[in-house]
C-alpha atoms as a PDB file:
ATOM      1  CA  MET A   1      83.688 108.449 105.763  1.00  0.00           C
ATOM      2  CA  ALA A   2      81.522 106.813 108.405  1.00  0.00           C
ATOM      3  CA  GLU A   3      82.081 103.384 106.875  1.00  0.00           C
ATOM      4  CA  LEU A   4      85.744 103.599 107.885  1.00  0.00           C
ATOM      5  CA  ASP A   5      84.685 104.141 111.497  1.00  0.00           C
ATOM      6  CA  LEU A   6      82.681 100.930 111.338  1.00  0.00           C
ATOM      7  CA  LEU A   7      85.524  99.014 109.673  1.00  0.00           C
ATOM      8  CA  ARG A   8      87.985 100.206 112.300  1.00  0.00           C
ATOM      9  CA  PHE A   9      85.690  99.028 115.097  1.00  0.00           C
ATOM     10  CA  ILE A  10      85.217  95.650 113.397  1.00  0.00           C
ATOM     11  CA  ALA A  11      88.997  95.327 113.094  1.00  0.00           C
ATOM     12  CA  ALA A  12      89.412  96.081 116.807  1.00  0.00           C
ATOM     13  CA  LEU A  13      86.754  93.534 117.770  1.00  0.00           C
ATOM     14  CA  ALA A  14      88.496  90.961 115.571  1.00  0.00           C
ATOM     15  CA  VAL A  15      91.745  91.503 117.467  1.00  0.00           C
ATOM     16  CA  VAL A  16      89.897  91.266 120.796  1.00  0.00           C
ATOM     17  CA  ALA A  17      88.266  88.001 119.685  1.00  0.00           C
ATOM     18  CA  PHE A  18      91.631  86.581 118.686  1.00  0.00           C
ATOM     19  CA  HIS A  19      93.209  87.423 122.017  1.00  0.00           C
ATOM     20  CA  TYR A  20      90.282  86.433 124.240  1.00  0.00           C
ATOM     21  CA  LEU A  21      89.231  83.250 122.428  1.00  0.00           C
ATOM     22  CA  VAL A  22      92.541  81.964 121.054  1.00  0.00           C
ATOM     23  CA  ALA A  23      95.715  83.670 122.259  1.00  0.00           C
ATOM     24  CA  TYR A  24      95.464  84.469 125.989  1.00  0.00           C
ATOM     25  CA  ALA A  25      96.302  81.049 127.430  1.00  0.00           C
ATOM     26  CA  SER A  26      98.134  82.479 130.450  1.00  0.00           C
ATOM     27  CA  VAL A  27      95.128  84.668 131.249  1.00  0.00           C
ATOM     28  CA  TRP A  28      92.630  81.808 131.172  1.00  0.00           C
ATOM     29  CA  GLY A  29      94.963  79.243 132.695  1.00  0.00           C
ATOM     30  CA  ALA A  30      94.071  76.989 129.756  1.00  0.00           C
ATOM     31  CA  ARG A  31      94.167  77.084 125.974  1.00  0.00           C
ATOM     32  CA  PRO A  32      91.225  79.308 124.923  1.00  0.00           C
ATOM     33  CA  ALA A  33      90.709  77.339 121.695  1.00  0.00           C
ATOM     34  CA  ALA A  34      89.811  74.317 123.853  1.00  0.00           C
ATOM     35  CA  LEU A  35      87.292  76.432 125.784  1.00  0.00           C
ATOM     36  CA  PHE A  36      85.649  77.807 122.637  1.00  0.00           C
ATOM     37  CA  PRO A  37      86.102  75.087 119.989  1.00  0.00           C
ATOM     38  CA  PRO A  38      83.282  76.209 117.632  1.00  0.00           C
ATOM     39  CA  LEU A  39      84.505  79.824 117.638  1.00  0.00           C
ATOM     40  CA  ALA A  40      88.267  79.292 117.575  1.00  0.00           C
ATOM     41  CA  PRO A  41      88.648  78.840 113.771  1.00  0.00           C
ATOM     42  CA  PHE A  42      86.885  82.170 113.227  1.00  0.00           C
ATOM     43  CA  ALA A  43      88.370  84.022 116.202  1.00  0.00           C
ATOM     44  CA  GLY A  44      91.822  82.912 115.098  1.00  0.00           C
ATOM     45  CA  LEU A  45      91.354  84.951 111.937  1.00  0.00           C
ATOM     46  CA  GLY A  46      91.075  88.003 114.176  1.00  0.00           C
ATOM     47  CA  ILE A  47      94.868  88.070 114.116  1.00  0.00           C
ATOM     48  CA  LEU A  48      94.410  89.720 110.695  1.00  0.00           C
ATOM     49  CA  GLY A  49      92.424  92.606 112.151  1.00  0.00           C
ATOM     50  CA  VAL A  50      95.678  94.551 112.363  1.00  0.00           C
ATOM     51  CA  GLU A  51      96.183  94.094 108.622  1.00  0.00           C
ATOM     52  CA  LEU A  52      92.829  95.800 108.055  1.00  0.00           C
ATOM     53  CA  PHE A  53      94.011  98.601 110.342  1.00  0.00           C
ATOM     54  CA  PHE A  54      97.125  99.041 108.214  1.00  0.00           C
ATOM     55  CA  ILE A  55      95.158  99.372 104.959  1.00  0.00           C
ATOM     56  CA  ILE A  56      92.819 101.924 106.539  1.00  0.00           C
ATOM     57  CA  SER A  57      95.866 103.742 107.899  1.00  0.00           C
ATOM     58  CA  GLY A  58      97.401 104.035 104.438  1.00  0.00           C
ATOM     59  CA  PHE A  59      94.118 105.478 103.180  1.00  0.00           C
ATOM     60  CA  VAL A  60      93.499 107.882 106.063  1.00  0.00           C
ATOM     61  CA  ILE A  61      97.056 109.133 106.596  1.00  0.00           C
ATOM     62  CA  LEU A  62      97.440 110.057 102.931  1.00  0.00           C
ATOM     63  CA  MET A  63      94.145 111.917 103.212  1.00  0.00           C
ATOM     64  CA  THR A  64      95.503 113.631 106.326  1.00  0.00           C
ATOM     65  CA  VAL A  65      98.800 114.813 104.828  1.00  0.00           C
ATOM     66  CA  TRP A  66      97.329 116.075 101.559  1.00  0.00           C
ATOM     67  CA  GLY A  67      97.825 119.835 101.562  1.00  0.00           C
ATOM     68  CA  ARG A  68      99.386 119.866 105.025  1.00  0.00           C
ATOM     69  CA  GLY A  69     102.876 120.880 106.104  1.00  0.00           C
ATOM     70  CA  LEU A  70     105.324 118.865 108.161  1.00  0.00           C
ATOM     71  CA  GLY A  71     104.524 120.648 111.432  1.00  0.00           C
ATOM     72  CA  GLY A  72     100.810 120.096 111.082  1.00  0.00           C
ATOM     73  CA  PHE A  73     101.282 116.432 110.232  1.00  0.00           C
ATOM     74  CA  ALA A  74     103.624 115.821 113.176  1.00  0.00           C
ATOM     75  CA  ARG A  75     101.302 117.634 115.576  1.00  0.00           C
ATOM     76  CA  SER A  76      98.236 115.738 114.409  1.00  0.00           C
ATOM     77  CA  ARG A  77      99.954 112.360 114.819  1.00  0.00           C
ATOM     78  CA  PHE A  78     101.257 113.239 118.274  1.00  0.00           C
ATOM     79  CA  VAL A  79      97.833 114.382 119.461  1.00  0.00           C
ATOM     80  CA  ARG A  80      96.176 111.300 118.031  1.00  0.00           C
ATOM     81  CA  LEU A  81      98.607 108.640 119.212  1.00  0.00           C
ATOM     82  CA  TYR A  82     100.120 109.583 122.540  1.00  0.00           C
ATOM     83  CA  PRO A  83      97.359 110.578 125.022  1.00  0.00           C
ATOM     84  CA  ALA A  84      95.519 107.229 124.951  1.00  0.00           C
ATOM     85  CA  TYR A  85      98.823 105.376 124.667  1.00  0.00           C
ATOM     86  CA  TRP A  86     100.190 107.006 127.804  1.00  0.00           C
ATOM     87  CA  LEU A  87      96.977 106.242 129.685  1.00  0.00           C
ATOM     88  CA  SER A  88      97.210 102.584 128.675  1.00  0.00           C
ATOM     89  CA  LEU A  89     100.872 102.505 129.709  1.00  0.00           C
ATOM     90  CA  VAL A  90     100.001 103.881 133.147  1.00  0.00           C
ATOM     91  CA  ALA A  91      97.184 101.337 133.461  1.00  0.00           C
ATOM     92  CA  THR A  92      99.550  98.504 132.542  1.00  0.00           C
ATOM     93  CA  ALA A  93     102.230  99.637 135.002  1.00  0.00           C
ATOM     94  CA  ALA A  94      99.619 100.004 137.759  1.00  0.00           C
ATOM     95  CA  LEU A  95      98.128  96.580 137.049  1.00  0.00           C
ATOM     96  CA  TYR A  96     101.442  94.763 137.487  1.00  0.00           C
ATOM     97  CA  GLY A  97     102.898  97.097 140.088  1.00  0.00           C
ATOM     98  CA  LEU A  98      99.926  97.332 142.445  1.00  0.00           C
ATOM     99  CA  THR A  99      98.236  93.943 142.079  1.00  0.00           C
ATOM    100  CA  GLY A 100      99.306  90.341 142.032  1.00  0.00           C
ATOM    101  CA  ALA A 101      98.570  89.950 138.316  1.00  0.00           C
ATOM    102  CA  LYS A 102     100.997  87.628 136.544  1.00  0.00           C
ATOM    103  CA  ALA A 103      99.480  86.849 133.130  1.00  0.00           C
ATOM    104  CA  LEU A 104     101.118  88.695 130.226  1.00  0.00           C
ATOM    105  CA  ASP A 105     103.441  90.478 132.671  1.00  0.00           C
ATOM    106  CA  PRO A 106     106.265  92.049 130.636  1.00  0.00           C
ATOM    107  CA  LYS A 107     108.416  92.220 133.800  1.00  0.00           C
ATOM    108  CA  LEU A 108     109.738  95.701 133.073  1.00  0.00           C
ATOM    109  CA  SER A 109     111.729  98.019 135.282  1.00  0.00           C
ATOM    110  CA  PRO A 110     110.577 101.613 135.881  1.00  0.00           C
ATOM    111  CA  GLY A 111     113.195 102.705 133.356  1.00  0.00           C
ATOM    112  CA  ASP A 112     111.778 100.302 130.777  1.00  0.00           C
ATOM    113  CA  TYR A 113     108.325 101.810 131.271  1.00  0.00           C
ATOM    114  CA  LEU A 114     109.793 105.265 130.720  1.00  0.00           C
ATOM    115  CA  VAL A 115     111.383 104.094 127.473  1.00  0.00           C
ATOM    116  CA  ASN A 116     108.004 102.670 126.470  1.00  0.00           C
ATOM    117  CA  ALA A 117     106.524 106.125 126.988  1.00  0.00           C
ATOM    118  CA  THR A 118     108.443 107.312 123.920  1.00  0.00           C
ATOM    119  CA  MET A 119     106.761 104.603 121.791  1.00  0.00           C
ATOM    120  CA  PHE A 120     110.223 103.954 120.308  1.00  0.00           C
ATOM    121  CA  GLN A 121     111.095 101.145 122.734  1.00  0.00           C
ATOM    122  CA  ARG A 122     111.742  98.658 119.937  1.00  0.00           C
ATOM    123  CA  LEU A 123     114.399 100.961 118.554  1.00  0.00           C
ATOM    124  CA  PHE A 124     116.199 100.620 121.901  1.00  0.00           C
ATOM    125  CA  LYS A 125     115.578  96.849 122.146  1.00  0.00           C
ATOM    126  CA  VAL A 126     113.279  97.274 125.151  1.00  0.00           C
ATOM    127  CA  THR A 127     110.315  94.912 125.555  1.00  0.00           C
ATOM    128  CA  ASP A 128     106.851  96.298 124.814  1.00  0.00           C
ATOM    129  CA  ALA A 129     104.857  96.960 127.969  1.00  0.00           C
ATOM    130  CA  SER A 130     101.828  95.494 126.192  1.00  0.00           C
ATOM    131  CA  GLN A 131     101.798  92.887 123.456  1.00  0.00           C
ATOM    132  CA  VAL A 132      99.617  95.081 121.228  1.00  0.00           C
ATOM    133  CA  TYR A 133     102.232  97.844 121.061  1.00  0.00           C
ATOM    134  CA  TRP A 134     104.098  96.021 118.283  1.00  0.00           C
ATOM    135  CA  SER A 135     101.749  97.419 115.635  1.00  0.00           C
ATOM    136  CA  LEU A 136     102.359 100.993 116.800  1.00  0.00           C
ATOM    137  CA  TRP A 137     106.028 100.579 115.881  1.00  0.00           C
ATOM    138  CA  ALA A 138     104.945  99.696 112.348  1.00  0.00           C
ATOM    139  CA  GLU A 139     102.640 102.744 112.292  1.00  0.00           C
ATOM    140  CA  LEU A 140     105.423 105.025 113.504  1.00  0.00           C
ATOM    141  CA  ARG A 141     107.775 103.817 110.776  1.00  0.00           C
ATOM    142  CA  PHE A 142     105.026 104.410 108.227  1.00  0.00           C
ATOM    143  CA  TYR A 143     104.647 107.969 109.515  1.00  0.00           C
ATOM    144  CA  LEU A 144     108.397 108.539 109.259  1.00  0.00           C
ATOM    145  CA  LEU A 145     108.318 107.384 105.637  1.00  0.00           C
ATOM    146  CA  MET A 146     105.374 109.707 105.010  1.00  0.00           C
ATOM    147  CA  VAL A 147     107.499 112.583 106.311  1.00  0.00           C
ATOM    148  CA  ILE A 148     109.615 112.168 103.164  1.00  0.00           C
ATOM    149  CA  LEU A 149     106.507 112.586 101.035  1.00  0.00           C
ATOM    150  CA  VAL A 150     105.359 115.610 103.041  1.00  0.00           C
ATOM    151  CA  ILE A 151     108.774 117.276 102.686  1.00  0.00           C
ATOM    152  CA  ILE A 152     108.885 116.873  98.891  1.00  0.00           C
ATOM    153  CA  GLY A 153     105.234 117.835  98.611  1.00  0.00           C
ATOM    154  CA  VAL A 154     102.172 115.619  98.274  1.00  0.00           C
ATOM    155  CA  THR A 155     100.832 115.444  94.731  1.00  0.00           C
ATOM    156  CA  TYR A 156      99.086 112.693  92.803  1.00  0.00           C
ATOM    157  CA  GLY A 157     102.158 111.966  90.694  1.00  0.00           C
ATOM    158  CA  ARG A 158     104.581 112.004  93.621  1.00  0.00           C
ATOM    159  CA  VAL A 159     102.392 109.639  95.618  1.00  0.00           C
ATOM    160  CA  LEU A 160     102.396 107.233  92.664  1.00  0.00           C
ATOM    161  CA  ILE A 161     106.186 107.387  92.433  1.00  0.00           C
ATOM    162  CA  PHE A 162     106.601 107.030  96.204  1.00  0.00           C
ATOM    163  CA  SER A 163     104.212 104.068  96.354  1.00  0.00           C
ATOM    164  CA  GLY A 164     105.811 102.352  93.369  1.00  0.00           C
ATOM    165  CA  VAL A 165     109.337 102.696  94.747  1.00  0.00           C
ATOM    166  CA  TRP A 166     108.220 101.464  98.170  1.00  0.00           C
ATOM    167  CA  LEU A 167     106.381  98.480  96.697  1.00  0.00           C
ATOM    168  CA  VAL A 168     109.424  97.417  94.665  1.00  0.00           C
ATOM    169  CA  ALA A 169     111.680  97.959  97.693  1.00  0.00           C
ATOM    170  CA  ALA A 170     109.367  95.823  99.848  1.00  0.00           C
ATOM    171  CA  PHE A 171     109.438  93.038  97.280  1.00  0.00           C
ATOM    172  CA  GLY A 172     113.234  93.184  97.120  1.00  0.00           C
ATOM    173  CA  ALA A 173     113.767  93.522 100.869  1.00  0.00           C
ATOM    174  CA  ASP A 174     111.669  90.436 101.521  1.00  0.00           C
ATOM    175  CA  ARG A 175     114.133  88.434  99.444  1.00  0.00           C
ATOM    176  CA  LEU A 176     117.265  90.218 100.628  1.00  0.00           C
ATOM    177  CA  GLY A 177     116.591  89.432 104.270  1.00  0.00           C
ATOM    178  CA  ASN A 178     118.699  92.274 105.685  1.00  0.00           C
ATOM    179  CA  GLU A 179     117.513  93.197 109.185  1.00  0.00           C
ATOM    180  CA  ILE A 180     118.187  96.945 108.877  1.00  0.00           C
ATOM    181  CA  VAL A 181     116.565  97.183 105.447  1.00  0.00           C
ATOM    182  CA  ASN A 182     113.550  95.260 106.710  1.00  0.00           C
ATOM    183  CA  GLU A 183     113.147  97.655 109.642  1.00  0.00           C
ATOM    184  CA  ILE A 184     112.989 100.591 107.237  1.00  0.00           C
ATOM    185  CA  VAL A 185     111.053  99.101 104.329  1.00  0.00           C
ATOM    186  CA  MET A 186     108.746  96.801 106.367  1.00  0.00           C
ATOM    187  CA  PRO A 187     108.172  94.146 103.675  1.00  0.00           C
ATOM    188  CA  ASP A 188     105.590  92.366 105.842  1.00  0.00           C
ATOM    189  CA  TYR A 189     103.381  95.423 106.314  1.00  0.00           C
ATOM    190  CA  ALA A 190     104.257  97.797 103.455  1.00  0.00           C
ATOM    191  CA  PRO A 191     101.813  96.108 101.016  1.00  0.00           C
ATOM    192  CA  TYR A 192      98.886  97.071 103.253  1.00  0.00           C
ATOM    193  CA  PHE A 193      99.942 100.700 103.660  1.00  0.00           C
ATOM    194  CA  ILE A 194     100.657 101.020  99.933  1.00  0.00           C
ATOM    195  CA  ALA A 195      97.323  99.466  98.991  1.00  0.00           C
ATOM    196  CA  GLY A 196      95.533 101.870 101.330  1.00  0.00           C
ATOM    197  CA  MET A 197      97.332 104.876  99.825  1.00  0.00           C
ATOM    198  CA  SER A 198      96.526 103.697  96.311  1.00  0.00           C
ATOM    199  CA  LEU A 199      92.868 103.211  97.201  1.00  0.00           C
ATOM    200  CA  TYR A 200      92.772 106.781  98.500  1.00  0.00           C
ATOM    201  CA  LEU A 201      94.105 107.998  95.142  1.00  0.00           C
ATOM    202  CA  ILE A 202      91.288 106.063  93.459  1.00  0.00           C
ATOM    203  CA  HIS A 203      88.794 107.549  95.903  1.00  0.00           C
ATOM    204  CA  LYS A 204      90.113 111.070  95.310  1.00  0.00           C
ATOM    205  CA  ARG A 205      90.755 111.056  91.546  1.00  0.00           C
ATOM    206  CA  GLY A 206      88.865 108.046  90.222  1.00  0.00           C
ATOM    207  CA  SER A 207      90.024 104.740  88.802  1.00  0.00           C
ATOM    208  CA  ALA A 208      93.298 104.543  86.882  1.00  0.00           C
ATOM    209  CA  TRP A 209      95.384 101.563  85.895  1.00  0.00           C
ATOM    210  CA  LEU A 210      98.508 102.389  87.945  1.00  0.00           C
ATOM    211  CA  PRO A 211      96.863 102.760  91.391  1.00  0.00           C
ATOM    212  CA  TRP A 212      94.923  99.573  90.749  1.00  0.00           C
ATOM    213  CA  LEU A 213      98.185  97.873  89.785  1.00  0.00           C
ATOM    214  CA  TYR A 214      99.635  98.891  93.153  1.00  0.00           C
ATOM    215  CA  VAL A 215      96.538  97.543  94.924  1.00  0.00           C
ATOM    216  CA  ALA A 216      96.910  94.245  93.056  1.00  0.00           C
ATOM    217  CA  GLY A 217     100.630  94.104  93.876  1.00  0.00           C
ATOM    218  CA  GLY A 218      99.917  94.860  97.526  1.00  0.00           C
ATOM    219  CA  TYR A 219      97.285  92.135  97.585  1.00  0.00           C
ATOM    220  CA  ALA A 220      99.661  89.570  96.100  1.00  0.00           C
ATOM    221  CA  LEU A 221     102.399  90.366  98.623  1.00  0.00           C
ATOM    222  CA  SER A 222      99.884  90.510 101.473  1.00  0.00           C
ATOM    223  CA  ILE A 223      98.754  86.940 100.935  1.00  0.00           C
ATOM    224  CA  GLY A 224     102.262  85.629 101.540  1.00  0.00           C
ATOM    225  CA  SER A 225     102.812  87.973 104.464  1.00  0.00           C
ATOM    226  CA  ALA A 226      99.541  87.006 106.152  1.00  0.00           C
ATOM    227  CA  LEU A 227     100.165  83.297 105.666  1.00  0.00           C
ATOM    228  CA  ASP A 228     103.650  83.645 107.137  1.00  0.00           C
ATOM    229  CA  ARG A 229     102.299  85.443 110.203  1.00  0.00           C
ATOM    230  CA  VAL A 230      99.617  82.833 110.816  1.00  0.00           C
ATOM    231  CA  HIS A 231     102.096  79.998 110.191  1.00  0.00           C
ATOM    232  CA  ARG A 232     104.433  81.419 112.826  1.00  0.00           C
ATOM    233  CA  ARG A 233     101.597  81.361 115.328  1.00  0.00           C
ATOM    234  CA  VAL A 234     100.557  77.833 114.383  1.00  0.00           C
ATOM    235  CA  ASP A 235     104.164  76.613 114.598  1.00  0.00           C
ATOM    236  CA  ASN A 236     104.457  78.188 118.033  1.00  0.00           C
ATOM    237  CA  VAL A 237     101.312  76.782 119.672  1.00  0.00           C
ATOM    238  CA  GLY A 238     100.131  73.997 117.356  1.00  0.00           C
ATOM    239  CA  PHE A 239      97.206  73.855 114.966  1.00  0.00           C
ATOM    240  CA  LYS A 240      94.864  72.581 117.689  1.00  0.00           C
ATOM    241  CA  ASN A 241      95.388  75.826 119.596  1.00  0.00           C
ATOM    242  CA  MET A 242      95.381  78.029 116.482  1.00  0.00           C
ATOM    243  CA  PRO A 243      92.965  76.209 114.141  1.00  0.00           C
ATOM    244  CA  VAL A 244      93.278  78.539 111.155  1.00  0.00           C
ATOM    245  CA  ALA A 245      93.648  77.015 107.692  1.00  0.00           C
ATOM    246  CA  ASP A 246      95.521  78.631 104.800  1.00  0.00           C
ATOM    247  CA  LEU A 247      92.374  78.912 102.688  1.00  0.00           C
ATOM    248  CA  SER A 248      90.573  80.879 105.394  1.00  0.00           C
ATOM    249  CA  VAL A 249      93.526  83.287 105.608  1.00  0.00           C
ATOM    250  CA  ILE A 250      93.449  83.855 101.844  1.00  0.00           C
ATOM    251  CA  ILE A 251      89.674  84.398 101.895  1.00  0.00           C
ATOM    252  CA  THR A 252      89.970  86.862 104.795  1.00  0.00           C
ATOM    253  CA  ILE A 253      92.696  88.939 103.133  1.00  0.00           C
ATOM    254  CA  THR A 254      90.682  88.923  99.904  1.00  0.00           C
ATOM    255  CA  LEU A 255      87.595  90.172 101.751  1.00  0.00           C
ATOM    256  CA  ILE A 256      89.617  92.904 103.477  1.00  0.00           C
ATOM    257  CA  PHE A 257      90.924  94.207 100.151  1.00  0.00           C
ATOM    258  CA  ALA A 258      87.513  93.870  98.511  1.00  0.00           C
ATOM    259  CA  VAL A 259      85.688  95.787 101.241  1.00  0.00           C
ATOM    260  CA  MET A 260      88.275  98.582 101.177  1.00  0.00           C
ATOM    261  CA  ALA A 261      88.055  98.755  97.375  1.00  0.00           C
ATOM    262  CA  VAL A 262      84.269  99.014  97.549  1.00  0.00           C
ATOM    263  CA  ALA A 263      84.572 101.790 100.144  1.00  0.00           C
ATOM    264  CA  ALA A 264      87.162 103.657  98.057  1.00  0.00           C
ATOM    265  CA  LEU A 265      84.912 103.502  94.995  1.00  0.00           C
ATOM    266  CA  GLY A 266      82.020 104.924  96.994  1.00  0.00           C
ATOM    267  CA  LEU A 267      79.825 101.881  96.449  1.00  0.00           C
ATOM    268  CA  ILE A 268      79.201 101.725 100.197  1.00  0.00           C
ATOM    269  CA  ARG A 269      78.234 104.927 101.946  1.00  0.00           C
ATOM    270  CA  LEU A 270      76.994 105.061 105.515  1.00  0.00           C
ATOM    271  CA  LYS A 271      75.290 108.118 106.874  1.00  0.00           C
ATOM    272  CA  PRO A 272      77.445 109.724 109.587  1.00  0.00           C
ATOM    273  CA  SER A 273      75.966 109.333 113.044  1.00  0.00           C
ATOM    274  CA  ARG A 274      76.977 109.750 116.645  1.00  0.00           C
ATOM    275  CA  THR A 275      76.983 105.992 117.053  1.00  0.00           C
ATOM    276  CA  LEU A 276      79.435 105.395 114.210  1.00  0.00           C
ATOM    277  CA  THR A 277      81.574 108.305 115.364  1.00  0.00           C
ATOM    278  CA  ALA A 278      81.689 106.814 118.860  1.00  0.00           C
ATOM    279  CA  LEU A 279      82.538 103.361 117.502  1.00  0.00           C
ATOM    280  CA  GLY A 280      85.388 104.836 115.507  1.00  0.00           C
ATOM    281  CA  GLY A 281      86.503 106.881 118.482  1.00  0.00           C
ATOM    282  CA  ILE A 282      86.704 103.980 120.942  1.00  0.00           C
ATOM    283  CA  THR A 283      88.626 101.760 118.522  1.00  0.00           C
ATOM    284  CA  TYR A 284      92.091 102.921 119.565  1.00  0.00           C
ATOM    285  CA  PRO A 285      91.400 102.767 123.338  1.00  0.00           C
ATOM    286  CA  LEU A 286      89.799  99.340 122.887  1.00  0.00           C
ATOM    287  CA  TYR A 287      92.904  98.088 121.111  1.00  0.00           C
ATOM    288  CA  LEU A 288      95.163  99.487 123.833  1.00  0.00           C
ATOM    289  CA  PHE A 289      93.152  98.553 126.939  1.00  0.00           C
ATOM    290  CA  HIS A 290      91.522  95.188 126.180  1.00  0.00           C
ATOM    291  CA  GLY A 291      94.574  93.267 127.391  1.00  0.00           C
ATOM    292  CA  VAL A 292      94.597  95.074 130.728  1.00  0.00           C
ATOM    293  CA  VAL A 293      90.888  94.374 131.180  1.00  0.00           C
ATOM    294  CA  ALA A 294      91.395  90.693 130.348  1.00  0.00           C
ATOM    295  CA  VAL A 295      94.212  90.247 132.860  1.00  0.00           C
ATOM    296  CA  ALA A 296      92.177  91.978 135.563  1.00  0.00           C
ATOM    297  CA  LEU A 297      88.816  90.260 134.961  1.00  0.00           C
ATOM    298  CA  ILE A 298      89.170  86.833 133.362  1.00  0.00           C
ATOM    299  CA  PRO A 299      91.128  85.133 136.211  1.00  0.00           C
ATOM    300  CA  ALA A 300      88.751  86.679 138.757  1.00  0.00           C
ATOM    301  CA  LEU A 301      85.605  85.513 136.949  1.00  0.00           C
ATOM    302  CA  THR A 302      86.838  82.078 135.863  1.00  0.00           C
ATOM    303  CA  GLY A 303      85.350  79.422 138.122  1.00  0.00           C
ATOM    304  CA  HIS A 304      82.353  81.599 138.964  1.00  0.00           C
ATOM    305  CA  LEU A 305      80.894  81.878 135.454  1.00  0.00           C
ATOM    306  CA  PRO A 306      80.999  79.652 132.381  1.00  0.00           C
ATOM    307  CA  PRO A 307      83.708  80.600 129.852  1.00  0.00           C
ATOM    308  CA  TRP A 308      81.274  82.172 127.382  1.00  0.00           C
ATOM    309  CA  ALA A 309      79.869  84.423 130.115  1.00  0.00           C
ATOM    310  CA  VAL A 310      83.367  85.385 131.246  1.00  0.00           C
ATOM    311  CA  ALA A 311      84.371  86.282 127.687  1.00  0.00           C
ATOM    312  CA  THR A 312      81.169  88.236 127.039  1.00  0.00           C
ATOM    313  CA  THR A 313      81.429  90.169 130.301  1.00  0.00           C
ATOM    314  CA  THR A 314      85.076  91.000 129.645  1.00  0.00           C
ATOM    315  CA  VAL A 315      84.333  92.273 126.125  1.00  0.00           C
ATOM    316  CA  LEU A 316      81.504  94.479 127.399  1.00  0.00           C
ATOM    317  CA  VAL A 317      83.668  95.903 130.181  1.00  0.00           C
ATOM    318  CA  ALA A 318      86.513  96.539 127.715  1.00  0.00           C
ATOM    319  CA  VAL A 319      84.167  98.384 125.346  1.00  0.00           C
ATOM    320  CA  ALA A 320      82.643 100.414 128.217  1.00  0.00           C
ATOM    321  CA  LEU A 321      86.075 101.336 129.583  1.00  0.00           C
ATOM    322  CA  SER A 322      87.218 102.335 126.105  1.00  0.00           C
ATOM    323  CA  TYR A 323      84.228 104.627 125.740  1.00  0.00           C
ATOM    324  CA  LEU A 324      85.005 106.262 129.084  1.00  0.00           C
ATOM    325  CA  VAL A 325      88.646 106.733 128.095  1.00  0.00           C
ATOM    326  CA  TYR A 326      87.614 108.173 124.730  1.00  0.00           C
ATOM    327  CA  SER A 327      84.960 110.525 126.147  1.00  0.00           C
ATOM    328  CA  PHE A 328      86.488 111.712 129.400  1.00  0.00           C
ATOM    329  CA  ALA A 329      90.235 111.434 128.889  1.00  0.00           C
ATOM    330  CA  GLU A 330      91.362 111.103 125.287  1.00  0.00           C
ATOM    331  CA  ARG A 331      89.086 113.720 123.706  1.00  0.00           C
ATOM    332  CA  PRO A 332      89.631 116.386 126.419  1.00  0.00           C
ATOM    333  CA  ILE A 333      93.403 115.863 126.240  1.00  0.00           C
ATOM    334  CA  GLN A 334      93.341 116.086 122.446  1.00  0.00           C
ATOM    335  CA  ARG A 335      91.320 119.310 122.584  1.00  0.00           C
ATOM    336  CA  LEU A 336      93.807 120.718 125.090  1.00  0.00           C
ATOM    337  CA  LEU A 337      96.817 119.826 122.928  1.00  0.00           C
ATOM    338  CA  LYS A 338      95.382 120.924 119.597  1.00  0.00           C
ATOM    339  CA  PRO A 339      96.420 124.435 118.554  1.00  0.00           C
ATOM    340  CA  ARG A 340      93.757 127.098 118.907  1.00  0.00           C
ATOM    341  CA  ARG A 341      92.563 128.825 115.764  1.00  0.00           C
ATOM    342  CA  SER A 342      93.705 132.386 115.490  1.00  0.00           C
ATOM    343  CA  THR A 343      90.994 134.991 116.038  1.00  0.00           C
ATOM    344  CA  GLN A 344      92.813 137.252 113.585  1.00  0.00           C
ATOM    345  CA  THR A 345      92.019 135.016 110.621  1.00  0.00           C
ATOM    346  CA  PRO A 346      88.290 134.302 110.847  1.00  0.00           C
ATOM    347  CA  SER A 347      88.158 133.347 107.196  1.00  0.00           C
ATOM    348  CA  ALA A 348      90.613 130.456 107.639  1.00  0.00           C
ATOM    349  CA  PRO A 349      89.116 127.036 106.959  1.00  0.00           C
ATOM    350  CA  ALA A 350      88.217 124.900 109.931  1.00  0.00           C
ATOM    351  CA  VAL A 351      90.695 122.230 110.920  1.00  0.00           C
ATOM    352  CA  GLN A 352      89.428 118.806 109.975  1.00  0.00           C
ATOM    353  CA  VAL A 353      88.802 116.484 112.893  1.00  0.00           C
ATOM    354  CA  GLU A 354      90.947 113.414 112.329  1.00  0.00           C
ATOM    355  CA  LYS A 355      90.605 109.857 113.446  1.00  0.00           C
ATOM    356  CA  ALA A 356      93.678 107.999 112.371  1.00  0.00           C
ATOM    357  CA  SER A 357      93.279 104.311 111.827  1.00  0.00           C
ATOM    358  CA  VAL A 358      95.790 103.482 114.512  1.00  0.00           C
ATOM    359  CA  PRO A 359      95.038 100.031 115.897  1.00  0.00           C
END
């Protein structure tokens, strides 16, 4: 589905816009919203790019596990997530260990970086080496929940039961407020994953009232979750520095669900191309590396170029670096780690090339 590649890239660019034009005050040495006042209300909505990632992830991961065993699922997730993640972790450690960079410095010890290499650092209460790693913890917990579904066997009916139970649990956990339950159920992010899974069922089997009910329920819970996330940011930095109104958040979440519904129904179909494949491929490296690029470039360019030129140059460099990582590091490593097809079973179906919607 080439349209998902495009949506993933748009989501990544939205996150980049949010960080570069609104969030990275320590990188610019000033509040970015004051540097880009006409763009800030729109760039601020880029904070919701991760929510689009989560819906796509629910869709794609269910597609990935359908008809696959536990070993195959675990291997595919490892190969997809860790190579680029480790490269970004090394780049982050090198940036702060070998240069005088201070902005966004997590101030980690070598042991903390090693814990980060597991991607389970939040489980051990260790600070993320990069601010964007928080969403990977949500993805990992989603994968662990999907393991339950893989173990019992993925069928249409079981996915409906699983999604329904999870949606009810998310609704209840949000009101219970228990920290451990929230870590497992993820009431803030579960609605997006569940909606994505339900949309895949609609894509695979056609429209039915129960999957659409789950999509509607996920949408309703997502509005509150998205507003809460934006409100926390506004409360932290002030509306002037995060000029995002409630109505714009509601419209954005509505558009995200609408676009995914249209894609699931097949009303939008893009012809696969190398360009779209490349855009989908560089999404994950762009998400992981754009912070490193910003810390390295923006302070060096500020004062020599106007802010818009600094931001544009930094985005272009981040995209170019992400393409290099995707083409010359991530893909070769993934090919090396993927199991080779047995020559004794030439009639076996080819393994599908996967591009998880990891942010």
